[in-house]
């Protein structure tokens, strides 16, 4: 059975949320839910995207019609799910949240679509993993707001079209290229979420610290932001870990010194690299003379799955300029050699400082 979140309707003790016509429940006070921005004013980062969405939302309200279908893509942890909830709040409508792997059978997606009300938002995470049958059911629903269904058997088989209320589908994916063209082309608004700058992450961290009732200096927030890999999800996770260290080892206030000590204990360096990231760089440098080395060979040497390296570790290393993908395999960049004082066959004559 599909896992569906309809503003957590499955949970008891609902309370009316005065800001929107959605409902708020005690679960909303948990950490992960409570730190999520509810409005664009609270949402930090993605400035260009927010400006575009504000115009689209205002236009949809004036037309008294739902938004066009929206596709968000980009690395994990940048706030795609949060942004979908913000859009629902701005549109003053309800949102149903599910994920593509949960929609295993046709009746799962049909049940969700038939439960929608006019103007509702359906958010499907990891939409590139939607199976072919569910995807084809979505086509007429997205375009014409109809469900094509069949009844009867063999000679009595009939095809019928069932109208459904006009809704907005918001899809999120980390692999936009994995979506089929017919599905991708049915989205009217397509946006890529970018990594956050250190300044933007500093604001995110300060807001999170305020919500969890933790005092933090601007320098402390910047120290955490610099090691958060440009990702709000990682920044929020590190805030909790640094807070724990501050409570146990200091006066509970997160300053620059406290933040750096806590992150050093977590073995996260100034570039935001953890043990696995550094091990990957060291293996390429020491065992393969800086590369190039094939991804399968690298995965075996590291003891990790190929997909884990490709999806979790490589994107950030490439984005920061530590790793280069070549036709012959992965290779360390001169920047990586400079930062980690690595000497390979190509740069052996050059002298670098850490």
C-alpha atoms as a PDB file:
ATOM      1  CA  UNK A   1       0.000   0.000   0.000  1.00  0.00           C
ATOM      2  CA  UNK A   2       1.287   3.451  -0.856  1.00  0.00           C
ATOM      3  CA  UNK A   3       2.641   5.644   1.903  1.00  0.00           C
ATOM      4  CA  UNK A   4       0.805   8.938   1.737  1.00  0.00           C
ATOM      5  CA  UNK A   5       1.129  12.038   3.855  1.00  0.00           C
ATOM      6  CA  UNK A   6      -1.901  14.318   3.580  1.00  0.00           C
ATOM      7  CA  UNK A   7      -0.805  16.945   6.068  1.00  0.00           C
ATOM      8  CA  UNK A   8      -0.479  13.920   8.368  1.00  0.00           C
ATOM      9  CA  UNK A   9      -4.218  13.188   8.258  1.00  0.00           C
ATOM     10  CA  UNK A  10      -3.553   9.680   9.526  1.00  0.00           C
ATOM     11  CA  UNK A  11      -2.472  11.108  12.873  1.00  0.00           C
ATOM     12  CA  UNK A  12      -4.944  12.018  15.655  1.00  0.00           C
ATOM     13  CA  UNK A  13      -5.594  15.257  17.511  1.00  0.00           C
ATOM     14  CA  UNK A  14      -5.670  17.660  14.602  1.00  0.00           C
ATOM     15  CA  UNK A  15      -5.664  21.374  15.195  1.00  0.00           C
ATOM     16  CA  UNK A  16      -6.719  24.079  12.768  1.00  0.00           C
ATOM     17  CA  UNK A  17      -3.854  26.106  11.340  1.00  0.00           C
ATOM     18  CA  UNK A  18      -5.035  29.717  11.112  1.00  0.00           C
ATOM     19  CA  UNK A  19      -2.444  30.657   8.472  1.00  0.00           C
ATOM     20  CA  UNK A  20      -3.706  28.185   5.864  1.00  0.00           C
ATOM     21  CA  UNK A  21      -6.585  25.786   5.403  1.00  0.00           C
ATOM     22  CA  UNK A  22      -4.224  22.889   6.070  1.00  0.00           C
ATOM     23  CA  UNK A  23      -4.161  21.269   9.495  1.00  0.00           C
ATOM     24  CA  UNK A  24      -1.470  21.202  12.130  1.00  0.00           C
ATOM     25  CA  UNK A  25      -0.917  18.388  14.597  1.00  0.00           C
ATOM     26  CA  UNK A  26       1.398  17.764  17.562  1.00  0.00           C
ATOM     27  CA  UNK A  27       3.827  15.912  15.266  1.00  0.00           C
ATOM     28  CA  UNK A  28       4.520  19.262  13.571  1.00  0.00           C
ATOM     29  CA  UNK A  29       6.477  20.300  16.633  1.00  0.00           C
ATOM     30  CA  UNK A  30       9.171  17.683  16.014  1.00  0.00           C
ATOM     31  CA  UNK A  31      12.617  18.913  15.015  1.00  0.00           C
ATOM     32  CA  UNK A  32      12.568  18.064  11.324  1.00  0.00           C
ATOM     33  CA  UNK A  33       9.092  19.482  10.764  1.00  0.00           C
ATOM     34  CA  UNK A  34       9.505  22.523  12.971  1.00  0.00           C
ATOM     35  CA  UNK A  35      12.655  23.789  11.253  1.00  0.00           C
ATOM     36  CA  UNK A  36      11.054  23.651   7.805  1.00  0.00           C
ATOM     37  CA  UNK A  37      10.111  27.141   6.560  1.00  0.00           C
ATOM     38  CA  UNK A  38       6.384  27.657   6.057  1.00  0.00           C
ATOM     39  CA  UNK A  39       6.501  30.784   3.864  1.00  0.00           C
ATOM     40  CA  UNK A  40       8.845  32.282   1.282  1.00  0.00           C
ATOM     41  CA  UNK A  41       9.867  34.942   3.810  1.00  0.00           C
ATOM     42  CA  UNK A  42      11.329  32.197   5.999  1.00  0.00           C
ATOM     43  CA  UNK A  43      12.914  30.264   3.132  1.00  0.00           C
ATOM     44  CA  UNK A  44      16.602  31.127   2.692  1.00  0.00           C
ATOM     45  CA  UNK A  45      18.430  30.664  -0.603  1.00  0.00           C
ATOM     46  CA  UNK A  46      17.311  29.851  -4.172  1.00  0.00           C
ATOM     47  CA  UNK A  47      16.596  33.562  -4.751  1.00  0.00           C
ATOM     48  CA  UNK A  48      15.997  33.348  -8.507  1.00  0.00           C
ATOM     49  CA  UNK A  49      13.728  30.339  -8.084  1.00  0.00           C
ATOM     50  CA  UNK A  50      11.692  32.044  -5.363  1.00  0.00           C
ATOM     51  CA  UNK A  51      11.171  35.133  -7.517  1.00  0.00           C
ATOM     52  CA  UNK A  52       9.873  33.039 -10.401  1.00  0.00           C
ATOM     53  CA  UNK A  53       7.591  30.968  -8.178  1.00  0.00           C
ATOM     54  CA  UNK A  54       6.134  34.055  -6.489  1.00  0.00           C
ATOM     55  CA  UNK A  55       5.061  35.412  -9.860  1.00  0.00           C
ATOM     56  CA  UNK A  56       3.558  32.068 -10.909  1.00  0.00           C
ATOM     57  CA  UNK A  57       1.686  31.725  -7.619  1.00  0.00           C
ATOM     58  CA  UNK A  58       0.318  35.277  -7.762  1.00  0.00           C
ATOM     59  CA  UNK A  59      -0.818  34.758 -11.362  1.00  0.00           C
ATOM     60  CA  UNK A  60      -2.499  31.449 -10.468  1.00  0.00           C
ATOM     61  CA  UNK A  61      -4.371  33.104  -7.597  1.00  0.00           C
ATOM     62  CA  UNK A  62      -5.617  35.907  -9.826  1.00  0.00           C
ATOM     63  CA  UNK A  63      -6.783  33.393 -12.440  1.00  0.00           C
ATOM     64  CA  UNK A  64      -8.299  31.271  -9.645  1.00  0.00           C
ATOM     65  CA  UNK A  65      -6.665  28.204 -11.173  1.00  0.00           C
ATOM     66  CA  UNK A  66      -4.110  25.693  -9.884  1.00  0.00           C
ATOM     67  CA  UNK A  67      -0.418  26.178 -10.627  1.00  0.00           C
ATOM     68  CA  UNK A  68       1.169  24.499 -13.608  1.00  0.00           C
ATOM     69  CA  UNK A  69       2.843  21.193 -12.794  1.00  0.00           C
ATOM     70  CA  UNK A  70       6.311  21.748 -11.320  1.00  0.00           C
ATOM     71  CA  UNK A  71       9.505  19.682 -11.491  1.00  0.00           C
ATOM     72  CA  UNK A  72      12.355  20.336  -9.051  1.00  0.00           C
ATOM     73  CA  UNK A  73      15.678  18.613  -9.609  1.00  0.00           C
ATOM     74  CA  UNK A  74      19.103  18.810  -8.050  1.00  0.00           C
ATOM     75  CA  UNK A  75      21.304  17.165  -5.401  1.00  0.00           C
ATOM     76  CA  UNK A  76      19.639  15.778  -2.259  1.00  0.00           C
ATOM     77  CA  UNK A  77      19.176  17.920   0.823  1.00  0.00           C
ATOM     78  CA  UNK A  78      18.603  21.262  -0.911  1.00  0.00           C
ATOM     79  CA  UNK A  79      14.960  21.632   0.137  1.00  0.00           C
ATOM     80  CA  UNK A  80      12.777  20.248  -2.649  1.00  0.00           C
ATOM     81  CA  UNK A  81      10.210  18.791  -0.242  1.00  0.00           C
ATOM     82  CA  UNK A  82      10.297  21.917   1.899  1.00  0.00           C
ATOM     83  CA  UNK A  83       9.739  24.095  -1.150  1.00  0.00           C
ATOM     84  CA  UNK A  84       6.689  22.040  -2.129  1.00  0.00           C
ATOM     85  CA  UNK A  85       5.184  22.610   1.330  1.00  0.00           C
ATOM     86  CA  UNK A  86       5.933  26.339   1.103  1.00  0.00           C
ATOM     87  CA  UNK A  87       4.122  26.491  -2.253  1.00  0.00           C
ATOM     88  CA  UNK A  88       1.102  24.746  -0.717  1.00  0.00           C
ATOM     89  CA  UNK A  89       1.031  27.269   2.122  1.00  0.00           C
ATOM     90  CA  UNK A  90       1.389  30.199  -0.275  1.00  0.00           C
ATOM     91  CA  UNK A  91      -1.421  28.806  -2.436  1.00  0.00           C
ATOM     92  CA  UNK A  92      -3.486  28.184   0.721  1.00  0.00           C
ATOM     93  CA  UNK A  93      -4.232  24.624  -0.274  1.00  0.00           C
ATOM     94  CA  UNK A  94      -3.593  21.075   0.911  1.00  0.00           C
ATOM     95  CA  UNK A  95      -0.657  18.912  -0.098  1.00  0.00           C
ATOM     96  CA  UNK A  96      -0.389  15.145  -0.335  1.00  0.00           C
ATOM     97  CA  UNK A  97       3.149  13.794  -0.056  1.00  0.00           C
ATOM     98  CA  UNK A  98       4.319  10.431  -1.317  1.00  0.00           C
ATOM     99  CA  UNK A  99       7.326   8.883  -3.058  1.00  0.00           C
ATOM    100  CA  UNK A 100       7.596   7.034  -6.349  1.00  0.00           C
ATOM    101  CA  UNK A 101       8.860   3.723  -4.859  1.00  0.00           C
ATOM    102  CA  UNK A 102       5.701   3.589  -2.700  1.00  0.00           C
ATOM    103  CA  UNK A 103       3.486   3.637  -5.797  1.00  0.00           C
ATOM    104  CA  UNK A 104       4.050   0.007  -6.731  1.00  0.00           C
ATOM    105  CA  UNK A 105       0.606  -0.833  -8.145  1.00  0.00           C
ATOM    106  CA  UNK A 106      -1.770   1.086 -10.428  1.00  0.00           C
ATOM    107  CA  UNK A 107      -4.392   1.286  -7.684  1.00  0.00           C
ATOM    108  CA  UNK A 108      -1.925   3.209  -5.497  1.00  0.00           C
ATOM    109  CA  UNK A 109      -1.600   6.149  -7.860  1.00  0.00           C
ATOM    110  CA  UNK A 110      -5.278   5.918  -8.881  1.00  0.00           C
ATOM    111  CA  UNK A 111      -6.373   6.050  -5.242  1.00  0.00           C
ATOM    112  CA  UNK A 112      -4.306   9.168  -4.609  1.00  0.00           C
ATOM    113  CA  UNK A 113      -5.525  10.950  -7.739  1.00  0.00           C
ATOM    114  CA  UNK A 114      -9.182  10.194  -6.988  1.00  0.00           C
ATOM    115  CA  UNK A 115      -8.827  11.505  -3.431  1.00  0.00           C
ATOM    116  CA  UNK A 116      -7.577  14.912  -4.597  1.00  0.00           C
ATOM    117  CA  UNK A 117      -9.749  17.999  -4.310  1.00  0.00           C
ATOM    118  CA  UNK A 118      -9.744  21.006  -6.613  1.00  0.00           C
ATOM    119  CA  UNK A 119      -6.510  22.963  -6.256  1.00  0.00           C
ATOM    120  CA  UNK A 120      -4.714  20.312  -4.188  1.00  0.00           C
ATOM    121  CA  UNK A 121      -1.004  19.686  -4.629  1.00  0.00           C
ATOM    122  CA  UNK A 122       0.380  16.181  -5.101  1.00  0.00           C
ATOM    123  CA  UNK A 123       4.091  15.912  -4.313  1.00  0.00           C
ATOM    124  CA  UNK A 124       5.961  12.841  -5.582  1.00  0.00           C
ATOM    125  CA  UNK A 125       9.545  12.490  -4.383  1.00  0.00           C
ATOM    126  CA  UNK A 126      12.150  10.621  -6.444  1.00  0.00           C
ATOM    127  CA  UNK A 127       9.718  10.742  -9.358  1.00  0.00           C
ATOM    128  CA  UNK A 128      12.326   9.288 -11.715  1.00  0.00           C
ATOM    129  CA  UNK A 129      11.742   5.928  -9.970  1.00  0.00           C
ATOM    130  CA  UNK A 130       8.065   5.852 -10.942  1.00  0.00           C
ATOM    131  CA  UNK A 131       7.203   2.602 -12.708  1.00  0.00           C
ATOM    132  CA  UNK A 132       5.966   2.649 -16.299  1.00  0.00           C
ATOM    133  CA  UNK A 133       2.328   1.831 -15.548  1.00  0.00           C
ATOM    134  CA  UNK A 134       1.974   4.531 -12.890  1.00  0.00           C
ATOM    135  CA  UNK A 135       3.692   6.986 -15.205  1.00  0.00           C
ATOM    136  CA  UNK A 136       1.248   6.295 -18.030  1.00  0.00           C
ATOM    137  CA  UNK A 137      -1.683   6.737 -15.633  1.00  0.00           C
ATOM    138  CA  UNK A 138      -0.324  10.194 -14.830  1.00  0.00           C
ATOM    139  CA  UNK A 139      -0.221  11.370 -18.450  1.00  0.00           C
ATOM    140  CA  UNK A 140      -3.974  12.016 -18.990  1.00  0.00           C
ATOM    141  CA  UNK A 141      -4.335  13.105 -15.367  1.00  0.00           C
ATOM    142  CA  UNK A 142      -1.703  15.821 -15.818  1.00  0.00           C
ATOM    143  CA  UNK A 143      -2.875  16.997 -19.235  1.00  0.00           C
ATOM    144  CA  UNK A 144      -6.651  16.596 -19.301  1.00  0.00           C
ATOM    145  CA  UNK A 145      -7.463  15.821 -15.640  1.00  0.00           C
ATOM    146  CA  UNK A 146      -8.963  12.464 -16.531  1.00  0.00           C
ATOM    147  CA  UNK A 147      -8.261   8.895 -15.480  1.00  0.00           C
ATOM    148  CA  UNK A 148      -8.443   6.301 -18.244  1.00  0.00           C
ATOM    149  CA  UNK A 149      -9.717   3.063 -16.725  1.00  0.00           C
ATOM    150  CA  UNK A 150     -11.082  -0.250 -17.983  1.00  0.00           C
ATOM    151  CA  UNK A 151     -13.941  -2.373 -16.652  1.00  0.00           C
ATOM    152  CA  UNK A 152     -15.095  -5.899 -17.415  1.00  0.00           C
ATOM    153  CA  UNK A 153     -13.181  -8.820 -18.892  1.00  0.00           C
ATOM    154  CA  UNK A 154     -12.322  -9.988 -22.391  1.00  0.00           C
ATOM    155  CA  UNK A 155     -15.386  -9.419 -24.623  1.00  0.00           C
ATOM    156  CA  UNK A 156     -17.110  -7.099 -22.135  1.00  0.00           C
ATOM    157  CA  UNK A 157     -14.008  -4.966 -21.636  1.00  0.00           C
ATOM    158  CA  UNK A 158     -14.824  -1.256 -21.726  1.00  0.00           C
ATOM    159  CA  UNK A 159     -12.698   1.828 -21.484  1.00  0.00           C
ATOM    160  CA  UNK A 160     -14.030   4.734 -19.451  1.00  0.00           C
ATOM    161  CA  UNK A 161     -12.737   8.200 -18.619  1.00  0.00           C
ATOM    162  CA  UNK A 162     -13.244   9.453 -15.085  1.00  0.00           C
ATOM    163  CA  UNK A 163     -12.802  13.199 -14.509  1.00  0.00           C
ATOM    164  CA  UNK A 164     -10.710  14.298 -11.542  1.00  0.00           C
ATOM    165  CA  UNK A 165     -10.391  17.783 -10.002  1.00  0.00           C
ATOM    166  CA  UNK A 166      -7.726  20.090 -11.391  1.00  0.00           C
ATOM    167  CA  UNK A 167      -4.590  19.710  -9.287  1.00  0.00           C
ATOM    168  CA  UNK A 168      -0.889  20.551  -9.331  1.00  0.00           C
ATOM    169  CA  UNK A 169       1.736  17.819  -9.466  1.00  0.00           C
ATOM    170  CA  UNK A 170       5.106  18.705  -7.984  1.00  0.00           C
ATOM    171  CA  UNK A 171       7.804  16.180  -8.799  1.00  0.00           C
ATOM    172  CA  UNK A 172      11.247  16.055  -7.188  1.00  0.00           C
ATOM    173  CA  UNK A 173      14.232  14.148  -8.453  1.00  0.00           C
ATOM    174  CA  UNK A 174      17.976  13.975  -8.036  1.00  0.00           C
ATOM    175  CA  UNK A 175      18.284  12.624 -11.589  1.00  0.00           C
ATOM    176  CA  UNK A 176      16.379  14.712 -14.098  1.00  0.00           C
ATOM    177  CA  UNK A 177      17.983  12.798 -16.949  1.00  0.00           C
ATOM    178  CA  UNK A 178      16.398   9.566 -15.705  1.00  0.00           C
ATOM    179  CA  UNK A 179      12.882  10.908 -16.369  1.00  0.00           C
ATOM    180  CA  UNK A 180      11.262   9.856 -19.609  1.00  0.00           C
ATOM    181  CA  UNK A 181      10.730  12.663 -22.124  1.00  0.00           C
ATOM    182  CA  UNK A 182       6.912  12.318 -22.159  1.00  0.00           C
ATOM    183  CA  UNK A 183       6.755  12.797 -18.401  1.00  0.00           C
ATOM    184  CA  UNK A 184       9.311  15.591 -18.268  1.00  0.00           C
ATOM    185  CA  UNK A 185       7.583  17.511 -21.075  1.00  0.00           C
ATOM    186  CA  UNK A 186       4.296  17.590 -19.166  1.00  0.00           C
ATOM    187  CA  UNK A 187       5.732  19.824 -16.462  1.00  0.00           C
ATOM    188  CA  UNK A 188       5.068  23.489 -17.132  1.00  0.00           C
ATOM    189  CA  UNK A 189       7.663  24.748 -14.631  1.00  0.00           C
ATOM    190  CA  UNK A 190      11.090  23.090 -14.366  1.00  0.00           C
ATOM    191  CA  UNK A 191      13.773  24.364 -11.995  1.00  0.00           C
ATOM    192  CA  UNK A 192      17.150  23.160 -10.762  1.00  0.00           C
ATOM    193  CA  UNK A 193      18.002  23.788  -7.108  1.00  0.00           C
ATOM    194  CA  UNK A 194      21.530  25.095  -6.583  1.00  0.00           C
ATOM    195  CA  UNK A 195      23.994  24.468  -3.765  1.00  0.00           C
ATOM    196  CA  UNK A 196      23.836  27.119  -1.045  1.00  0.00           C
ATOM    197  CA  UNK A 197      26.512  29.739  -0.501  1.00  0.00           C
ATOM    198  CA  UNK A 198      28.267  30.014   2.851  1.00  0.00           C
ATOM    199  CA  UNK A 199      26.343  33.226   3.594  1.00  0.00           C
ATOM    200  CA  UNK A 200      23.003  31.556   2.899  1.00  0.00           C
ATOM    201  CA  UNK A 201      23.889  28.547   5.053  1.00  0.00           C
ATOM    202  CA  UNK A 202      24.922  30.880   7.871  1.00  0.00           C
ATOM    203  CA  UNK A 203      21.386  32.322   7.890  1.00  0.00           C
ATOM    204  CA  UNK A 204      19.898  28.807   7.809  1.00  0.00           C
ATOM    205  CA  UNK A 205      22.046  27.758  10.766  1.00  0.00           C
ATOM    206  CA  UNK A 206      21.193  30.864  12.792  1.00  0.00           C
ATOM    207  CA  UNK A 207      17.481  30.263  12.202  1.00  0.00           C
ATOM    208  CA  UNK A 208      17.767  26.578  13.185  1.00  0.00           C
ATOM    209  CA  UNK A 209      19.721  27.436  16.327  1.00  0.00           C
ATOM    210  CA  UNK A 210      17.013  29.896  17.328  1.00  0.00           C
ATOM    211  CA  UNK A 211      14.296  27.292  16.810  1.00  0.00           C
ATOM    212  CA  UNK A 212      16.095  24.690  18.956  1.00  0.00           C
ATOM    213  CA  UNK A 213      16.798  27.361  21.606  1.00  0.00           C
ATOM    214  CA  UNK A 214      20.576  27.353  21.224  1.00  0.00           C
ATOM    215  CA  UNK A 215      22.734  30.464  21.397  1.00  0.00           C
ATOM    216  CA  UNK A 216      25.158  30.794  18.503  1.00  0.00           C
ATOM    217  CA  UNK A 217      27.508  33.541  17.415  1.00  0.00           C
ATOM    218  CA  UNK A 218      27.818  34.636  13.797  1.00  0.00           C
ATOM    219  CA  UNK A 219      31.372  33.269  13.702  1.00  0.00           C
ATOM    220  CA  UNK A 220      30.143  29.936  15.050  1.00  0.00           C
ATOM    221  CA  UNK A 221      27.440  29.775  12.400  1.00  0.00           C
ATOM    222  CA  UNK A 222      29.986  30.572   9.678  1.00  0.00           C
ATOM    223  CA  UNK A 223      32.293  27.817  10.943  1.00  0.00           C
ATOM    224  CA  UNK A 224      29.506  25.250  10.616  1.00  0.00           C
ATOM    225  CA  UNK A 225      28.381  26.661   7.260  1.00  0.00           C
ATOM    226  CA  UNK A 226      31.870  26.276   5.819  1.00  0.00           C
ATOM    227  CA  UNK A 227      31.793  22.532   6.481  1.00  0.00           C
ATOM    228  CA  UNK A 228      28.187  21.856   5.428  1.00  0.00           C
ATOM    229  CA  UNK A 229      28.890  20.987   1.762  1.00  0.00           C
ATOM    230  CA  UNK A 230      26.529  23.692   0.542  1.00  0.00           C
ATOM    231  CA  UNK A 231      23.543  21.662   1.775  1.00  0.00           C
ATOM    232  CA  UNK A 232      20.948  22.858   4.351  1.00  0.00           C
ATOM    233  CA  UNK A 233      20.119  19.294   5.445  1.00  0.00           C
ATOM    234  CA  UNK A 234      23.758  18.699   6.404  1.00  0.00           C
ATOM    235  CA  UNK A 235      23.972  22.119   8.064  1.00  0.00           C
ATOM    236  CA  UNK A 236      20.935  21.385  10.257  1.00  0.00           C
ATOM    237  CA  UNK A 237      22.350  18.002  11.199  1.00  0.00           C
ATOM    238  CA  UNK A 238      25.695  19.524  12.183  1.00  0.00           C
ATOM    239  CA  UNK A 239      23.986  22.200  14.278  1.00  0.00           C
ATOM    240  CA  UNK A 240      22.476  19.476  16.464  1.00  0.00           C
ATOM    241  CA  UNK A 241      25.807  17.690  16.857  1.00  0.00           C
ATOM    242  CA  UNK A 242      27.677  20.895  17.698  1.00  0.00           C
ATOM    243  CA  UNK A 243      24.916  21.861  20.133  1.00  0.00           C
ATOM    244  CA  UNK A 244      25.405  18.562  21.976  1.00  0.00           C
ATOM    245  CA  UNK A 245      29.146  19.205  22.219  1.00  0.00           C
ATOM    246  CA  UNK A 246      28.551  22.748  23.481  1.00  0.00           C
ATOM    247  CA  UNK A 247      26.160  21.543  26.179  1.00  0.00           C
ATOM    248  CA  UNK A 248      28.554  18.863  27.440  1.00  0.00           C
ATOM    249  CA  UNK A 249      31.943  20.557  27.028  1.00  0.00           C
ATOM    250  CA  UNK A 250      31.269  24.302  27.291  1.00  0.00           C
ATOM    251  CA  UNK A 251      28.637  26.756  28.484  1.00  0.00           C
ATOM    252  CA  UNK A 252      26.161  25.734  25.791  1.00  0.00           C
ATOM    253  CA  UNK A 253      26.962  28.659  23.488  1.00  0.00           C
ATOM    254  CA  UNK A 254      28.241  27.823  20.014  1.00  0.00           C
ATOM    255  CA  UNK A 255      31.112  30.129  19.098  1.00  0.00           C
ATOM    256  CA  UNK A 256      33.787  29.658  16.451  1.00  0.00           C
ATOM    257  CA  UNK A 257      36.162  27.748  18.709  1.00  0.00           C
ATOM    258  CA  UNK A 258      33.455  25.423  20.002  1.00  0.00           C
ATOM    259  CA  UNK A 259      32.132  24.764  16.513  1.00  0.00           C
ATOM    260  CA  UNK A 260      35.564  23.949  15.113  1.00  0.00           C
ATOM    261  CA  UNK A 261      36.412  21.619  18.005  1.00  0.00           C
ATOM    262  CA  UNK A 262      33.120  19.770  17.669  1.00  0.00           C
ATOM    263  CA  UNK A 263      33.495  19.389  13.907  1.00  0.00           C
ATOM    264  CA  UNK A 264      37.082  18.202  14.321  1.00  0.00           C
ATOM    265  CA  UNK A 265      35.826  15.462  16.640  1.00  0.00           C
ATOM    266  CA  UNK A 266      33.274  14.536  13.967  1.00  0.00           C
ATOM    267  CA  UNK A 267      36.257  14.371  11.575  1.00  0.00           C
ATOM    268  CA  UNK A 268      34.749  16.859   9.145  1.00  0.00           C
ATOM    269  CA  UNK A 269      37.502  19.060   7.733  1.00  0.00           C
ATOM    270  CA  UNK A 270      37.423  22.669   6.558  1.00  0.00           C
ATOM    271  CA  UNK A 271      36.312  21.576   3.087  1.00  0.00           C
ATOM    272  CA  UNK A 272      33.349  19.640   4.471  1.00  0.00           C
ATOM    273  CA  UNK A 273      34.979  16.297   3.654  1.00  0.00           C
ATOM    274  CA  UNK A 274      34.450  13.313   5.935  1.00  0.00           C
ATOM    275  CA  UNK A 275      36.539  10.158   6.356  1.00  0.00           C
ATOM    276  CA  UNK A 276      35.143   8.453   3.269  1.00  0.00           C
ATOM    277  CA  UNK A 277      35.787  11.484   1.068  1.00  0.00           C
ATOM    278  CA  UNK A 278      39.378  11.716   2.248  1.00  0.00           C
ATOM    279  CA  UNK A 279      39.877   7.966   1.903  1.00  0.00           C
ATOM    280  CA  UNK A 280      38.707   8.160  -1.706  1.00  0.00           C
ATOM    281  CA  UNK A 281      41.217  10.921  -2.430  1.00  0.00           C
ATOM    282  CA  UNK A 282      44.017   9.073  -0.621  1.00  0.00           C
ATOM    283  CA  UNK A 283      43.370   5.828  -2.513  1.00  0.00           C
ATOM    284  CA  UNK A 284      43.548   7.576  -5.878  1.00  0.00           C
ATOM    285  CA  UNK A 285      46.707   9.401  -4.812  1.00  0.00           C
ATOM    286  CA  UNK A 286      48.607   6.565  -3.154  1.00  0.00           C
ATOM    287  CA  UNK A 287      47.495   3.447  -5.016  1.00  0.00           C
ATOM    288  CA  UNK A 288      46.849   4.854  -8.461  1.00  0.00           C
ATOM    289  CA  UNK A 289      49.277   7.784  -8.620  1.00  0.00           C
ATOM    290  CA  UNK A 290      46.513  10.368  -8.842  1.00  0.00           C
ATOM    291  CA  UNK A 291      44.505   8.502 -11.477  1.00  0.00           C
ATOM    292  CA  UNK A 292      42.829   7.952 -13.752  1.00  0.00           C
ATOM    293  CA  UNK A 293      41.207   4.901 -12.166  1.00  0.00           C
ATOM    294  CA  UNK A 294      37.976   3.109 -13.098  1.00  0.00           C
ATOM    295  CA  UNK A 295      34.946   3.569 -10.846  1.00  0.00           C
ATOM    296  CA  UNK A 296      34.540  -0.175 -10.218  1.00  0.00           C
ATOM    297  CA  UNK A 297      38.194  -0.520  -9.235  1.00  0.00           C
ATOM    298  CA  UNK A 298      37.841   2.491  -6.975  1.00  0.00           C
ATOM    299  CA  UNK A 299      34.695   1.075  -5.368  1.00  0.00           C
ATOM    300  CA  UNK A 300      36.442  -2.233  -4.652  1.00  0.00           C
ATOM    301  CA  UNK A 301      39.459  -0.506  -3.119  1.00  0.00           C
ATOM    302  CA  UNK A 302      37.239   1.734  -0.999  1.00  0.00           C
ATOM    303  CA  UNK A 303      34.859  -1.053   0.010  1.00  0.00           C
ATOM    304  CA  UNK A 304      31.822   0.887  -1.178  1.00  0.00           C
ATOM    305  CA  UNK A 305      29.091   0.278  -3.723  1.00  0.00           C
ATOM    306  CA  UNK A 306      29.576   1.897  -7.144  1.00  0.00           C
ATOM    307  CA  UNK A 307      26.200   3.670  -6.922  1.00  0.00           C
ATOM    308  CA  UNK A 308      27.068   5.039  -3.481  1.00  0.00           C
ATOM    309  CA  UNK A 309      30.251   6.606  -4.810  1.00  0.00           C
ATOM    310  CA  UNK A 310      28.492   8.006  -7.887  1.00  0.00           C
ATOM    311  CA  UNK A 311      25.458   9.376  -6.042  1.00  0.00           C
ATOM    312  CA  UNK A 312      26.809  10.346  -2.604  1.00  0.00           C
ATOM    313  CA  UNK A 313      30.512  11.162  -2.717  1.00  0.00           C
ATOM    314  CA  UNK A 314      31.454  12.054  -6.284  1.00  0.00           C
ATOM    315  CA  UNK A 315      29.038  14.968  -6.922  1.00  0.00           C
ATOM    316  CA  UNK A 316      30.450  17.110  -4.124  1.00  0.00           C
ATOM    317  CA  UNK A 317      34.083  16.227  -4.876  1.00  0.00           C
ATOM    318  CA  UNK A 318      33.561  17.120  -8.521  1.00  0.00           C
ATOM    319  CA  UNK A 319      31.625  20.270  -7.670  1.00  0.00           C
ATOM    320  CA  UNK A 320      34.399  21.464  -5.314  1.00  0.00           C
ATOM    321  CA  UNK A 321      37.051  20.716  -7.910  1.00  0.00           C
ATOM    322  CA  UNK A 322      38.803  17.833  -6.129  1.00  0.00           C
ATOM    323  CA  UNK A 323      37.879  15.113  -8.610  1.00  0.00           C
ATOM    324  CA  UNK A 324      37.716  14.961 -12.371  1.00  0.00           C
ATOM    325  CA  UNK A 325      35.794  12.472 -14.490  1.00  0.00           C
ATOM    326  CA  UNK A 326      37.646  11.399 -17.615  1.00  0.00           C
ATOM    327  CA  UNK A 327      36.951   8.737 -20.293  1.00  0.00           C
ATOM    328  CA  UNK A 328      39.602   6.587 -18.628  1.00  0.00           C
ATOM    329  CA  UNK A 329      38.281   6.986 -15.077  1.00  0.00           C
ATOM    330  CA  UNK A 330      38.452   9.259 -12.047  1.00  0.00           C
ATOM    331  CA  UNK A 331      41.414  11.551 -11.593  1.00  0.00           C
ATOM    332  CA  UNK A 332      42.569  14.003  -8.939  1.00  0.00           C
ATOM    333  CA  UNK A 333      42.721  17.641  -9.992  1.00  0.00           C
ATOM    334  CA  UNK A 334      45.715  19.946  -9.433  1.00  0.00           C
ATOM    335  CA  UNK A 335      43.554  21.748  -6.854  1.00  0.00           C
ATOM    336  CA  UNK A 336      43.192  18.531  -4.824  1.00  0.00           C
ATOM    337  CA  UNK A 337      46.928  17.928  -5.038  1.00  0.00           C
ATOM    338  CA  UNK A 338      47.561  21.454  -3.799  1.00  0.00           C
ATOM    339  CA  UNK A 339      45.112  21.253  -0.897  1.00  0.00           C
ATOM    340  CA  UNK A 340      46.371  17.882   0.349  1.00  0.00           C
ATOM    341  CA  UNK A 341      50.041  18.222  -0.619  1.00  0.00           C
ATOM    342  CA  UNK A 342      49.834  15.288  -3.005  1.00  0.00           C
ATOM    343  CA  UNK A 343      52.621  14.637  -5.495  1.00  0.00           C
ATOM    344  CA  UNK A 344      51.820  12.514  -8.534  1.00  0.00           C
ATOM    345  CA  UNK A 345      53.694  11.706 -11.709  1.00  0.00           C
ATOM    346  CA  UNK A 346      52.294  14.839 -13.338  1.00  0.00           C
ATOM    347  CA  UNK A 347      53.091  17.306 -10.593  1.00  0.00           C
ATOM    348  CA  UNK A 348      56.043  15.681  -8.862  1.00  0.00           C
ATOM    349  CA  UNK A 349      58.282  18.622  -9.775  1.00  0.00           C
ATOM    350  CA  UNK A 350      55.844  21.153  -8.390  1.00  0.00           C
ATOM    351  CA  UNK A 351      55.822  22.266  -4.777  1.00  0.00           C
ATOM    352  CA  UNK A 352      52.507  22.802  -2.991  1.00  0.00           C
ATOM    353  CA  UNK A 353      51.611  24.089   0.423  1.00  0.00           C
ATOM    354  CA  UNK A 354      48.638  22.714   2.360  1.00  0.00           C
END
